[in-house]
N, C-alpha and C. Protein backbone atom coordinates (compact mmCIF):
# COMPACT_ATOMS: atom_id res chain seq x y z
N MET A 1 -18.96 3.23 -16.56
CA MET A 1 -17.98 2.03 -16.74
C MET A 1 -16.86 2.35 -15.84
N ALA A 2 -16.31 1.40 -15.12
CA ALA A 2 -15.06 1.91 -14.28
C ALA A 2 -13.89 2.28 -15.10
N SER A 3 -12.99 2.90 -14.66
CA SER A 3 -11.72 3.41 -15.41
C SER A 3 -10.95 2.37 -15.09
N GLN A 4 -9.84 2.23 -16.13
CA GLN A 4 -8.57 1.44 -16.00
C GLN A 4 -7.54 2.05 -15.24
N ARG A 5 -6.99 1.58 -14.27
CA ARG A 5 -5.74 1.88 -13.69
C ARG A 5 -4.55 1.53 -14.27
N GLU A 6 -3.50 2.40 -14.35
CA GLU A 6 -2.34 2.18 -14.92
C GLU A 6 -1.40 1.43 -13.94
N VAL A 7 -0.96 0.27 -14.04
CA VAL A 7 -0.10 -0.33 -13.14
C VAL A 7 1.36 -0.50 -13.78
N PRO A 8 2.37 -0.22 -12.92
CA PRO A 8 3.66 -0.27 -13.67
C PRO A 8 4.18 -1.68 -13.87
N VAL A 9 4.80 -1.85 -15.03
CA VAL A 9 5.26 -3.19 -15.22
C VAL A 9 6.53 -3.62 -14.58
N PRO A 10 6.73 -4.73 -13.90
CA PRO A 10 8.11 -4.86 -13.08
C PRO A 10 9.11 -5.06 -14.20
N VAL A 11 10.10 -4.74 -14.10
CA VAL A 11 11.39 -4.64 -14.88
C VAL A 11 12.61 -5.65 -14.27
N THR A 12 13.24 -6.35 -14.68
CA THR A 12 14.34 -6.99 -14.22
C THR A 12 15.64 -6.00 -14.23
N ARG A 13 16.38 -6.21 -13.26
CA ARG A 13 17.88 -5.39 -13.38
C ARG A 13 18.81 -5.61 -14.19
N GLU A 14 18.75 -6.87 -14.74
CA GLU A 14 19.85 -7.17 -15.43
C GLU A 14 19.60 -6.70 -16.94
N ASN A 15 18.46 -6.78 -17.67
CA ASN A 15 18.17 -6.32 -18.77
C ASN A 15 17.05 -5.28 -19.15
N ASN A 16 16.65 -4.87 -18.11
CA ASN A 16 15.56 -3.65 -18.07
C ASN A 16 14.22 -4.13 -19.09
N ILE A 17 13.97 -5.80 -19.27
CA ILE A 17 12.86 -6.35 -19.92
C ILE A 17 11.97 -6.54 -18.96
N ALA A 18 10.76 -6.39 -19.24
CA ALA A 18 9.50 -6.59 -18.42
C ALA A 18 9.45 -8.07 -17.85
N ALA A 19 9.51 -8.15 -16.70
CA ALA A 19 9.37 -9.52 -16.19
C ALA A 19 8.16 -10.19 -16.35
N ALA A 20 6.86 -9.47 -16.24
CA ALA A 20 5.51 -9.95 -16.25
C ALA A 20 4.60 -8.90 -16.78
N ALA A 21 3.57 -9.31 -17.24
CA ALA A 21 2.73 -8.26 -17.53
C ALA A 21 1.64 -7.57 -16.62
N ALA A 22 1.65 -6.34 -16.45
CA ALA A 22 0.80 -5.84 -15.17
C ALA A 22 -0.70 -6.19 -15.83
N PRO A 23 -1.58 -6.48 -14.61
CA PRO A 23 -2.93 -6.87 -15.01
C PRO A 23 -3.69 -5.53 -15.07
N ASP A 24 -4.73 -5.66 -15.87
CA ASP A 24 -5.55 -4.46 -16.11
C ASP A 24 -6.60 -4.53 -15.10
N LEU A 25 -6.67 -3.70 -14.25
CA LEU A 25 -7.56 -3.76 -12.92
C LEU A 25 -8.40 -2.55 -13.12
N THR A 26 -9.79 -2.85 -12.92
CA THR A 26 -10.72 -1.73 -12.93
C THR A 26 -10.97 -1.15 -11.61
N ASP A 27 -11.54 -0.07 -11.49
CA ASP A 27 -11.82 0.53 -10.02
C ASP A 27 -12.39 -0.65 -9.07
N THR A 28 -13.52 -1.29 -9.67
CA THR A 28 -14.08 -2.24 -8.76
C THR A 28 -13.23 -3.37 -8.44
N MET A 29 -12.54 -3.97 -9.34
CA MET A 29 -11.68 -4.92 -9.06
C MET A 29 -10.58 -4.49 -8.01
N THR A 30 -10.02 -3.10 -7.99
CA THR A 30 -9.10 -2.55 -6.90
C THR A 30 -9.87 -2.38 -5.79
N ALA A 31 -10.97 -1.97 -5.85
CA ALA A 31 -11.76 -1.88 -4.46
C ALA A 31 -12.17 -3.39 -3.79
N LYS A 32 -12.35 -4.21 -4.53
CA LYS A 32 -12.46 -5.48 -4.08
C LYS A 32 -11.33 -6.27 -3.25
N ILE A 33 -10.12 -5.99 -3.94
CA ILE A 33 -8.89 -6.34 -3.71
C ILE A 33 -8.55 -5.69 -2.34
N MET A 34 -8.66 -4.50 -2.07
CA MET A 34 -8.56 -3.63 -0.82
C MET A 34 -9.44 -4.10 0.21
N GLN A 35 -10.59 -4.33 -0.08
CA GLN A 35 -11.57 -4.71 1.01
C GLN A 35 -11.14 -5.99 1.66
N SER A 36 -10.69 -6.97 0.56
CA SER A 36 -10.16 -8.43 0.80
C SER A 36 -9.02 -8.23 1.90
N MET A 37 -7.99 -7.36 1.43
CA MET A 37 -6.84 -7.11 2.35
C MET A 37 -7.23 -6.62 3.60
N SER A 38 -7.99 -5.73 3.63
CA SER A 38 -8.53 -4.87 4.89
C SER A 38 -9.13 -6.09 5.83
N ALA A 39 -9.86 -6.99 5.39
CA ALA A 39 -10.44 -7.93 6.21
C ALA A 39 -9.61 -9.12 6.63
N SER A 40 -8.33 -8.96 6.16
CA SER A 40 -7.52 -10.26 6.25
C SER A 40 -6.84 -9.98 7.74
N HIS A 41 -7.17 -8.65 8.31
CA HIS A 41 -6.42 -8.41 9.37
C HIS A 41 -7.53 -8.07 10.81
N SER A 42 -7.26 -8.79 11.69
CA SER A 42 -8.21 -8.81 12.91
C SER A 42 -8.53 -7.35 13.42
N ASP A 43 -9.43 -6.99 14.15
CA ASP A 43 -9.62 -5.70 14.78
C ASP A 43 -8.45 -5.42 15.80
N GLY A 44 -8.08 -6.46 16.56
CA GLY A 44 -7.05 -6.12 17.41
C GLY A 44 -5.62 -5.91 16.76
N THR A 45 -5.22 -6.45 15.57
CA THR A 45 -4.04 -6.25 15.03
C THR A 45 -4.24 -4.66 14.26
N LEU A 46 -5.37 -4.25 13.78
CA LEU A 46 -5.60 -3.02 13.15
C LEU A 46 -5.38 -2.01 14.50
N LYS A 47 -5.75 -2.32 15.44
CA LYS A 47 -5.78 -1.31 16.47
C LYS A 47 -4.24 -1.24 16.96
N THR A 48 -3.57 -2.24 17.05
CA THR A 48 -2.25 -2.34 17.32
C THR A 48 -1.28 -1.38 16.45
N TYR A 49 -1.63 -1.63 15.17
CA TYR A 49 -1.01 -0.90 14.07
C TYR A 49 -1.28 0.63 14.33
N ALA A 50 -2.46 0.83 14.42
CA ALA A 50 -2.84 2.33 14.85
C ALA A 50 -2.25 2.99 16.07
N SER A 51 -1.96 2.26 16.99
CA SER A 51 -1.40 2.88 18.29
C SER A 51 -0.05 2.94 18.08
N ALA A 52 0.65 1.99 17.26
CA ALA A 52 2.00 2.13 16.91
C ALA A 52 2.31 3.28 16.13
N TRP A 53 1.61 3.41 15.01
CA TRP A 53 1.75 4.58 14.15
C TRP A 53 1.55 5.89 14.97
N ARG A 54 0.49 6.00 15.83
CA ARG A 54 0.43 7.27 16.75
C ARG A 54 1.60 7.39 17.51
N ARG A 55 2.12 6.54 17.95
CA ARG A 55 3.57 6.51 18.90
C ARG A 55 4.67 7.03 18.05
N PHE A 56 4.65 6.47 16.82
CA PHE A 56 5.69 6.87 16.04
C PHE A 56 5.65 8.43 15.40
N GLU A 57 4.31 8.82 15.03
CA GLU A 57 4.33 10.19 14.82
C GLU A 57 4.48 11.12 15.79
N SER A 58 4.24 10.63 17.05
CA SER A 58 4.49 11.53 18.08
C SER A 58 6.05 11.70 18.53
N TRP A 59 6.65 10.52 18.35
CA TRP A 59 8.13 10.54 18.32
C TRP A 59 8.88 11.55 17.56
N CYS A 60 8.04 11.46 16.06
CA CYS A 60 8.76 12.33 14.87
C CYS A 60 8.78 13.54 15.42
N GLN A 61 7.33 13.88 15.78
CA GLN A 61 7.20 15.44 16.11
C GLN A 61 7.90 15.79 17.21
N THR A 62 8.19 15.00 18.18
CA THR A 62 9.08 15.47 19.42
C THR A 62 10.19 15.59 19.08
N ASN A 63 10.83 14.84 18.10
CA ASN A 63 12.23 14.81 17.63
C ASN A 63 12.53 15.78 16.25
N GLN A 64 11.28 16.26 15.83
CA GLN A 64 11.48 16.91 14.78
C GLN A 64 11.93 16.37 13.54
N HIS A 65 11.09 15.13 13.13
CA HIS A 65 11.42 14.39 11.97
C HIS A 65 10.06 14.22 11.22
N ALA A 66 10.19 14.12 9.96
CA ALA A 66 8.85 13.94 9.11
C ALA A 66 8.47 12.49 9.39
N ALA A 67 7.34 12.11 9.65
CA ALA A 67 6.82 10.66 9.75
C ALA A 67 6.72 9.99 8.35
N LEU A 68 6.66 10.96 7.38
CA LEU A 68 6.41 10.29 5.95
C LEU A 68 7.07 11.31 5.19
N PRO A 69 7.94 11.00 4.07
CA PRO A 69 8.35 9.58 3.88
C PRO A 69 9.32 8.91 5.12
N ALA A 70 9.24 7.93 5.58
CA ALA A 70 9.92 7.33 6.54
C ALA A 70 11.28 6.60 6.02
């Protein structure tokens, strides 16, 4: 049986009361959502993102900055 993930409940700034109930997602459901999100970007887009990230990491290293947290 898949375990349940704990998802934080959104809270409004004005009154600290939950704005909506968080969904109970199993690991299987979470994996399906992640797979769907991954498939929503073309290979070219993913390659561009990866290239930009490598350039950013290189710049950070050259300038003695941490890439994450950015």
